[in-house]
Protein backbone atom coordinates (compact mmCIF):
# COMPACT_ATOMS: atom_id res chain seq x y z
CA MET A 1 20.08 -2.56 35.93
CA SER A 2 19.01 -5.34 33.42
CA ASP A 3 15.45 -6.42 33.39
CA ALA A 4 16.56 -9.95 32.37
CA PRO A 5 14.40 -12.55 34.15
CA SER A 6 16.38 -14.64 36.90
CA GLY A 7 16.76 -18.35 36.88
CA PRO A 8 17.32 -20.76 34.12
CA PRO A 9 15.74 -20.53 30.71
CA ARG A 10 12.29 -21.88 30.47
CA ILE A 11 11.25 -22.30 26.73
CA ALA A 12 13.27 -21.35 23.79
CA ILE A 13 12.60 -21.00 20.10
CA ALA A 14 15.17 -20.39 17.38
CA LEU A 15 14.72 -19.49 13.65
CA VAL A 16 17.40 -19.50 11.03
CA ARG A 17 17.06 -17.57 7.65
CA GLN A 18 19.44 -16.92 4.81
CA LEU A 19 19.15 -13.39 3.56
CA ASP A 20 20.53 -11.98 0.17
CA ALA A 21 22.16 -9.02 1.76
CA ALA A 22 25.62 -8.24 3.24
CA ALA A 23 26.03 -8.59 7.01
CA ALA A 24 26.50 -4.86 7.34
CA LEU A 25 23.08 -4.04 5.78
CA VAL A 26 21.43 -6.73 7.99
CA PHE A 27 23.02 -5.42 11.17
CA GLU A 28 21.96 -1.96 10.27
CA ALA A 29 18.36 -3.20 9.62
CA CYS A 30 18.55 -4.73 13.19
CA SER A 31 19.82 -1.53 15.08
CA ASP A 32 18.68 1.50 13.10
CA PRO A 33 15.30 2.88 14.41
CA ARG A 34 14.08 3.80 10.84
CA ARG A 35 14.94 0.41 9.44
CA LEU A 36 13.61 -1.58 12.33
CA ALA A 37 10.26 0.03 11.86
CA ARG A 38 10.18 -1.73 8.38
CA TRP A 39 10.03 -5.12 9.88
CA LEU A 40 10.09 -5.37 13.66
CA THR A 41 6.29 -5.33 14.24
CA PRO A 42 5.62 -8.19 16.61
CA GLY A 43 1.92 -6.95 17.01
CA ALA A 44 1.57 -7.23 13.16
CA GLY A 45 -0.08 -3.85 13.26
CA GLU A 46 1.03 -0.11 13.22
CA VAL A 47 4.36 0.82 14.54
CA GLY A 48 4.42 4.49 15.89
CA ASP A 49 7.82 5.09 17.41
CA VAL A 50 11.22 3.25 17.60
CA SER A 51 14.13 4.30 19.63
CA CYS A 52 17.51 2.78 20.17
CA ASP A 53 20.48 3.41 22.38
CA LEU A 54 23.02 1.05 20.89
CA ARG A 55 25.51 0.27 23.46
CA VAL A 56 25.73 -2.26 26.19
CA GLY A 57 23.37 -1.13 29.00
CA GLY A 58 21.52 1.13 26.48
CA ARG A 59 17.80 0.63 26.08
CA PHE A 60 15.63 0.28 23.04
CA SER A 61 11.85 0.59 22.77
CA LEU A 62 9.09 0.53 20.14
CA GLU A 63 5.32 1.37 20.42
CA GLY A 64 2.65 0.13 18.11
CA CYS A 65 -0.99 -0.66 17.64
CA ASN A 66 -2.49 -4.22 16.97
CA PRO A 67 -4.85 -4.57 14.07
CA ASP A 68 -7.73 -4.50 16.46
CA GLY A 69 -6.68 -1.09 17.64
CA ARG A 70 -4.98 -2.15 21.09
CA ALA A 71 -1.82 -0.31 21.96
CA TYR A 72 1.37 -2.35 22.80
CA ALA A 73 4.92 -1.54 23.62
CA VAL A 74 8.24 -3.49 23.57
CA SER A 75 11.22 -2.45 25.59
CA GLY A 76 14.56 -3.89 26.67
CA GLU A 77 18.31 -3.37 27.44
CA TYR A 78 21.26 -4.28 25.21
CA LEU A 79 23.26 -7.07 26.92
CA GLU A 80 25.72 -7.78 24.12
CA ILE A 81 26.71 -5.97 20.97
CA VAL A 82 29.43 -7.30 18.56
CA PRO A 83 29.27 -5.06 15.39
CA LEU A 84 28.23 -6.82 12.33
CA ARG A 85 27.81 -10.03 14.02
CA ARG A 86 25.64 -10.28 17.20
CA LEU A 87 23.06 -8.52 19.31
CA ALA A 88 21.58 -9.64 22.59
CA MET A 89 18.93 -7.94 24.53
CA THR A 90 16.19 -8.25 26.92
CA TRP A 91 12.69 -8.19 25.55
CA HIS A 92 9.52 -7.13 27.39
CA TYR A 93 6.20 -6.94 25.51
CA VAL A 94 3.69 -4.94 27.49
CA GLY A 95 -0.07 -4.87 26.26
CA GLU A 96 -3.15 -6.97 25.76
CA GLY A 97 -2.93 -9.75 23.24
CA PRO A 98 -1.33 -13.15 22.84
CA LEU A 99 2.42 -11.97 23.16
CA ALA A 100 1.90 -10.49 26.62
CA GLY A 101 4.14 -12.03 29.40
CA PRO A 102 7.04 -11.57 31.76
CA PRO A 103 10.63 -10.35 30.32
CA SER A 104 12.39 -12.60 28.08
CA ARG A 105 15.64 -12.51 26.03
CA VAL A 106 16.33 -12.14 22.27
CA GLU A 107 19.66 -12.73 20.58
CA ILE A 108 20.39 -12.19 16.87
CA ASP A 109 23.42 -13.81 15.32
CA LEU A 110 24.96 -13.13 11.94
CA ARG A 111 27.04 -15.14 9.80
CA PRO A 112 28.44 -14.08 6.54
CA LEU A 113 28.30 -16.56 3.73
CA GLY A 114 29.28 -14.43 1.03
CA ALA A 115 29.67 -10.83 -0.03
CA ASP A 116 26.01 -10.38 -0.27
CA VAL A 117 24.67 -13.44 1.55
CA THR A 118 24.15 -13.66 5.32
CA GLU A 119 22.74 -16.40 7.68
CA LEU A 120 20.73 -14.98 10.50
CA THR A 121 19.94 -16.85 13.59
CA LEU A 122 17.19 -15.37 15.92
CA THR A 123 16.85 -17.07 19.27
CA HIS A 124 14.10 -16.25 21.83
CA THR A 125 14.62 -17.75 25.33
CA GLN A 126 13.25 -17.65 28.74
CA LEU A 127 9.63 -17.69 27.57
CA ASP A 128 7.33 -18.81 30.21
CA ARG A 129 4.65 -20.79 28.46
CA GLN A 130 4.46 -23.10 25.36
CA GLU A 131 1.50 -21.19 24.03
CA ILE A 132 3.56 -17.85 24.18
CA ALA A 133 6.50 -19.62 22.40
CA ASP A 134 4.24 -20.87 19.65
CA ARG A 135 2.77 -17.39 19.07
CA TYR A 136 6.25 -15.77 19.16
CA ARG A 137 7.41 -18.20 16.48
CA SER A 138 4.61 -17.17 14.29
CA ALA A 139 5.28 -13.40 14.92
CA TRP A 140 8.91 -13.69 14.27
CA THR A 141 8.25 -15.72 11.12
CA ILE A 142 6.33 -12.79 9.62
CA CYS A 143 8.90 -10.23 11.06
CA LEU A 144 11.81 -12.22 9.41
CA GLU A 145 10.07 -12.48 6.07
CA ARG A 146 9.55 -8.74 6.00
CA LEU A 147 13.18 -8.35 7.06
CA ARG A 148 14.12 -10.38 3.93
CA TRP A 149 12.10 -8.22 1.59
CA SER A 150 13.33 -4.96 3.23
CA THR A 151 17.02 -6.02 2.55
CA THR A 152 16.75 -7.73 -0.66
CA PRO A 153 16.62 -5.84 -3.99
CA GLN A 154 13.38 -6.20 -5.81
CA PRO A 155 13.81 -8.24 -9.06
CA HIS A 156 13.04 -6.42 -12.23
CA GLY A 157 9.32 -6.30 -12.95
CA ALA A 158 8.35 -7.43 -9.48
CA VAL A 159 5.32 -5.61 -7.71
CA PHE A 160 5.33 -7.36 -4.39
CA ALA A 161 6.96 -5.17 -1.83
CA PRO A 162 7.90 -5.31 1.89
CA PRO A 163 5.86 -3.20 4.19
CA LEU A 164 7.94 -0.05 4.80
CA GLY A 165 5.91 1.59 7.59
CA ALA A 166 2.78 1.34 9.37
CA ILE A 167 0.12 -1.27 8.52
CA SER A 168 -3.27 0.09 9.32
CA ASN A 169 -6.33 -1.59 10.77
CA LEU A 170 -7.30 -3.38 7.40
CA TYR A 171 -9.99 -5.53 9.01
CA GLY A 172 -13.15 -4.48 10.85
CA PRO A 173 -15.32 -6.58 13.08
CA ARG A 174 -17.50 -7.89 10.18
CA HIS A 175 -14.50 -9.11 8.46
CA ARG A 176 -13.36 -10.99 11.51
CA VAL A 177 -16.72 -12.72 12.01
CA LEU A 178 -16.48 -14.09 8.41
CA GLN A 179 -12.87 -14.92 8.76
CA GLN A 180 -13.77 -16.92 11.84
CA GLU A 181 -16.63 -18.59 10.28
CA PHE A 182 -14.67 -19.83 7.15
CA GLU A 183 -11.49 -20.47 9.33
CA THR A 184 -9.26 -17.84 7.52
CA GLY A 185 -8.46 -15.55 10.38
CA ASP A 186 -4.71 -16.66 10.45
CA LEU A 187 -4.35 -16.57 6.73
CA ALA A 188 -5.94 -13.05 6.48
CA ASN A 189 -3.41 -12.02 9.25
CA ARG A 190 -0.34 -13.46 7.28
CA LEU A 191 -1.56 -11.82 4.03
CA ARG A 192 -1.98 -8.46 5.63
CA SER A 193 1.47 -8.78 7.24
CA LEU A 194 3.40 -9.86 4.19
CA SER A 195 1.72 -7.93 1.33
CA VAL A 196 0.15 -4.70 2.79
CA THR A 197 2.54 -1.82 2.60
CA SER A 198 2.40 1.93 3.25
CA GLU A 199 4.28 3.09 0.41
CA LEU A 200 5.02 2.33 -3.19
CA SER A 201 8.13 0.30 -4.10
CA ALA A 202 10.19 1.14 -7.11
CA SER A 203 8.71 -1.68 -9.26
CA GLN A 204 5.27 -0.60 -8.14
CA GLN A 205 5.98 2.99 -9.21
CA ALA A 206 7.02 1.64 -12.53
CA PHE A 207 3.78 -0.42 -12.69
CA ILE A 208 1.63 2.61 -12.25
CA ALA A 209 3.69 4.54 -14.83
CA ARG A 210 2.77 2.07 -17.47
CA GLN A 211 -0.98 1.95 -16.83
CA ASP A 212 -3.38 3.79 -19.02
CA MET A 213 -6.56 3.33 -16.85
CA VAL A 214 -7.54 2.97 -13.10
CA PHE A 215 -10.73 2.27 -11.26
CA VAL A 216 -11.50 4.90 -8.48
CA THR A 217 -13.94 4.34 -5.60
CA SER A 218 -15.39 7.10 -3.52
CA VAL A 219 -18.31 7.44 -1.21
CA ASP A 220 -21.19 9.96 -1.92
CA HIS A 221 -23.23 12.18 0.58
CA ARG A 222 -25.79 9.19 0.86
CA GLY A 223 -23.22 6.57 1.88
CA PHE A 224 -23.30 4.92 -1.64
CA PRO A 225 -20.15 3.95 -3.17
CA THR A 226 -19.24 5.16 -6.55
CA CYS A 227 -16.96 3.32 -8.75
CA SER A 228 -15.62 5.21 -11.79
CA TYR A 229 -13.26 4.41 -14.72
CA LYS A 230 -10.52 6.93 -15.48
CA GLY A 231 -8.53 6.62 -18.52
CA GLY A 232 -5.55 8.54 -20.09
CA ALA A 233 -2.48 7.97 -21.76
CA SER A 234 0.06 5.55 -20.25
CA GLY A 235 1.34 7.16 -17.19
CA PHE A 236 -1.36 9.77 -16.78
CA VAL A 237 -1.36 8.91 -13.22
CA ARG A 238 1.71 10.37 -11.99
CA VAL A 239 3.91 9.08 -9.11
CA ALA A 240 5.11 12.13 -7.25
CA SER A 241 6.76 10.10 -4.46
CA PRO A 242 6.51 6.68 -2.94
CA ARG A 243 3.76 8.02 -0.66
CA VAL A 244 1.94 10.42 -3.11
CA ILE A 245 0.39 9.96 -6.51
CA GLU A 246 -1.41 12.43 -8.78
CA LEU A 247 -4.72 11.66 -10.71
CA PRO A 248 -5.76 14.25 -13.38
CA SER A 249 -9.52 15.09 -13.60
CA TYR A 250 -10.39 15.59 -17.35
CA ASP A 251 -13.40 17.17 -18.79
CA GLY A 252 -16.37 14.65 -18.47
CA ASN A 253 -20.27 14.56 -18.17
CA GLY A 254 -20.33 17.47 -15.79
CA MET A 255 -21.71 15.35 -12.97
CA TYR A 256 -18.29 15.60 -10.96
CA LEU A 257 -19.33 12.41 -8.96
CA THR A 258 -15.80 11.42 -8.04
CA VAL A 259 -14.52 14.88 -7.26
CA GLY A 260 -17.68 15.93 -5.56
CA ASN A 261 -17.59 12.91 -3.27
CA LEU A 262 -13.77 13.49 -2.55
CA ALA A 263 -14.60 17.05 -1.71
CA ALA A 264 -16.74 15.94 1.15
CA ASN A 265 -15.17 12.58 2.05
CA PRO A 266 -11.52 12.39 0.93
CA LYS A 267 -11.02 8.60 1.57
CA LEU A 268 -10.70 6.72 -1.76
CA GLY A 269 -9.56 3.43 -3.23
CA LEU A 270 -8.02 2.90 -6.59
CA LEU A 271 -7.54 -0.41 -8.57
CA PHE A 272 -5.02 -0.73 -11.23
CA ILE A 273 -5.44 -3.69 -13.56
CA ASP A 274 -3.09 -4.79 -16.39
CA PHE A 275 -5.21 -7.08 -18.41
CA GLU A 276 -2.46 -8.11 -20.73
CA THR A 277 0.03 -9.63 -18.08
CA PRO A 278 -2.31 -9.97 -16.06
CA HIS A 279 -1.74 -8.03 -12.68
CA ARG A 280 -3.45 -5.79 -10.41
CA LEU A 281 -2.46 -3.39 -7.72
CA ARG A 282 -4.76 -1.72 -5.10
CA LEU A 283 -4.21 1.67 -3.17
CA HIS A 284 -6.11 3.15 -0.29
CA GLY A 285 -5.53 6.85 0.50
CA THR A 286 -6.77 10.40 1.27
CA ALA A 287 -7.38 12.89 -1.68
CA ARG A 288 -6.52 16.63 -1.91
CA ILE A 289 -8.18 18.44 -4.84
CA THR A 290 -6.03 21.35 -6.36
CA ARG A 291 -6.21 23.52 -9.47
CA GLU A 292 -2.84 25.32 -8.86
CA ALA A 293 -1.20 26.26 -12.19
CA MET A 294 2.01 24.15 -11.59
CA ASP A 295 -0.15 21.10 -10.85
CA LEU A 296 -2.30 21.49 -14.04
CA GLU A 297 1.01 22.09 -16.03
CA ARG A 298 2.15 18.54 -15.29
CA HIS A 299 -1.24 17.19 -16.53
CA PRO A 300 -2.21 18.71 -19.82
CA GLY A 301 -6.06 18.73 -20.52
CA ALA A 302 -6.75 18.53 -16.78
CA GLU A 303 -9.49 20.53 -15.03
CA LEU A 304 -8.38 19.60 -11.65
CA VAL A 305 -5.65 17.31 -10.12
CA ILE A 306 -6.35 14.95 -7.22
CA LYS A 307 -3.46 14.45 -5.11
CA ILE A 308 -3.53 11.14 -3.01
CA ASP A 309 -1.63 10.48 0.17
CA ILE A 310 -1.13 6.80 0.20
CA ALA A 311 -2.20 4.96 3.25
CA GLU A 312 -2.29 1.29 2.02
CA VAL A 313 -0.79 -0.57 -0.93
CA PHE A 314 -1.22 -4.32 -1.68
CA VAL A 315 -1.47 -6.69 -4.44
CA ASN A 316 -4.12 -9.50 -5.13
CA CYS A 317 -3.81 -12.79 -6.87
CA PRO A 318 -4.47 -12.17 -10.73
CA ARG A 319 -5.94 -15.86 -11.40
CA TYR A 320 -9.52 -14.43 -12.17
CA ILE A 321 -8.41 -11.56 -14.39
CA HIS A 322 -9.42 -12.28 -17.90
CA GLN A 323 -6.47 -11.76 -20.35
CA TYR A 324 -7.08 -9.06 -22.99
CA ARG A 325 -5.06 -7.31 -25.57
CA ARG A 326 -5.33 -3.45 -26.08
CA GLU A 327 -6.01 -2.60 -29.68
CA ALA A 328 -5.55 1.19 -29.66
CA THR A 329 -5.50 4.16 -27.38
CA SER A 330 -8.71 6.23 -27.20
CA GLY A 331 -8.44 8.98 -29.59
CA PHE A 332 -10.03 11.57 -27.08
CA VAL A 333 -7.33 11.43 -24.28
CA PRO A 334 -4.94 14.32 -24.10
CA GLY A 335 -2.29 14.16 -26.83
CA GLN A 336 -4.35 12.28 -29.27
CA GLU A 337 -5.85 13.54 -32.43
CA ARG A 338 -9.47 13.91 -31.15
CA ALA A 339 -8.46 15.51 -27.67
CA GLY A 340 -10.63 18.37 -26.82
CA GLU A 341 -13.47 17.36 -29.32
CA VAL A 342 -16.88 17.79 -27.63
CA PRO A 343 -18.32 14.23 -26.99
CA ALA A 344 -21.20 13.03 -29.32
CA TRP A 345 -23.75 12.85 -26.35
CA LYS A 346 -23.36 16.68 -25.95
CA ARG A 347 -24.85 17.11 -29.30
CA ILE A 348 -28.09 15.47 -28.46
CA ASP A 349 -30.95 18.03 -28.95
CA LEU A 350 -32.22 17.56 -25.36
CA PHE A 351 -29.06 18.89 -23.85
CA ALA A 352 -28.72 21.88 -25.98
CA GLU A 353 -30.16 24.64 -23.79
CA VAL A 354 -28.35 23.25 -20.56
CA LEU A 355 -24.72 23.02 -22.05
CA PRO A 356 -22.02 25.37 -20.60
CA ASP A 357 -21.17 28.16 -23.04
CA ARG A 358 -17.79 26.69 -23.75
CA ASP A 359 -19.32 23.41 -25.05
CA ARG A 360 -21.79 25.40 -27.24
CA LEU A 361 -19.08 27.48 -28.77
CA THR A 362 -17.11 24.38 -29.62
CA ILE A 363 -20.05 22.63 -31.28
CA ASP A 364 -20.85 25.83 -33.13
CA SER A 365 -17.37 26.30 -34.40
CA SER A 366 -17.04 22.77 -35.50
CA GLY A 367 -20.13 23.00 -37.60
CA SER A 368 -21.51 19.60 -35.90
CA GLU A 369 -25.17 19.14 -36.18
CA THR A 370 -27.41 18.12 -33.13
CA MET A 371 -28.89 14.60 -33.03
CA THR A 372 -31.75 12.93 -31.41
CA LEU A 373 -31.52 10.65 -28.52
CA ALA A 374 -32.32 7.64 -30.81
CA ASP A 375 -29.61 8.76 -33.09
CA TYR A 376 -27.09 8.65 -30.16
CA ARG A 377 -28.07 5.32 -28.87
CA ALA A 378 -27.53 3.93 -32.49
CA LEU A 379 -24.05 5.32 -32.39
CA LEU A 380 -23.48 4.07 -28.90
CA GLU A 381 -24.30 0.65 -29.97
CA ARG A 382 -21.55 0.58 -32.47
CA GLY A 383 -19.01 2.28 -30.02
CA LYS A 384 -19.04 5.71 -32.06
CA THR A 385 -19.09 8.33 -29.29
């Protein structure tokens, strides 16, 4: 039995969008569970499960979580199905929040405007209050923008991508207090919904493959954040898949701050900055530290490899990035002429008795002389390390 409300329609809203995609692709995005999860997130939060029984009388459902952690569910019954042209269904949102209300009706009509252009009209009727209608208009605006990006090929060089899965709870209570104080709550919600993704697009993967440095944040045993610069040859951070990247850990100062932090608390953040374009890309994820031979073989010169399971990807406005030009690649990164050379600071006489045997052997075989701390500081001021 249909759960459509009885009586005449009360309040209706309609949104029309022109999408750069064939009607077949748009219809699939509106009826396939996996594709629906990419854009149909009325709660603007995490979507956990989507199911569709695509037949008249069949039911659909999705379960999600609002950004504040509250669960919600949407379900309904298909009333009309015209392949590649029209879907009509009942719509019942259950859960706390501004979209809660009695059952209503959603219709999606597609009109081909060309081989790869489709006009989509979404009509939501039988809404019981103007407040609900206004909030649904905002929610559908976000959803349809995500639908646009999920069905449109990314232009060459673009880094902005559609959310392709769950959007995690990016904001906490203190963020919300400040957003309320400065009246940016709606803006923050819109930015999160449009720009935060859970996997890398093809253009984002290409962007990372061009970078020769990244800033990594981790948290130590005292709760202090540690921010570290990591550098290598272009592409030293390897994209294993849209949801996994690999960061090599090269020989450093022996403190193992980043790797040690991640061994205790695997949560981390990464910031890629292209100072020449300029552009930047942020990632949040969970680290797994490995020293398996096949992993090390993919990263010559690495002692360890940090595999990162991506949770969130998002871009930032580059307007405050100062523009610089790179003059040269560091001669010490793997593949360069001075790779493997012991750094100058390890030749300071105060460190001689505490160096690992491998460093002592390298220094002895190179014939390098020790230096005082004052000598090293003089080199450091000239950038000679």
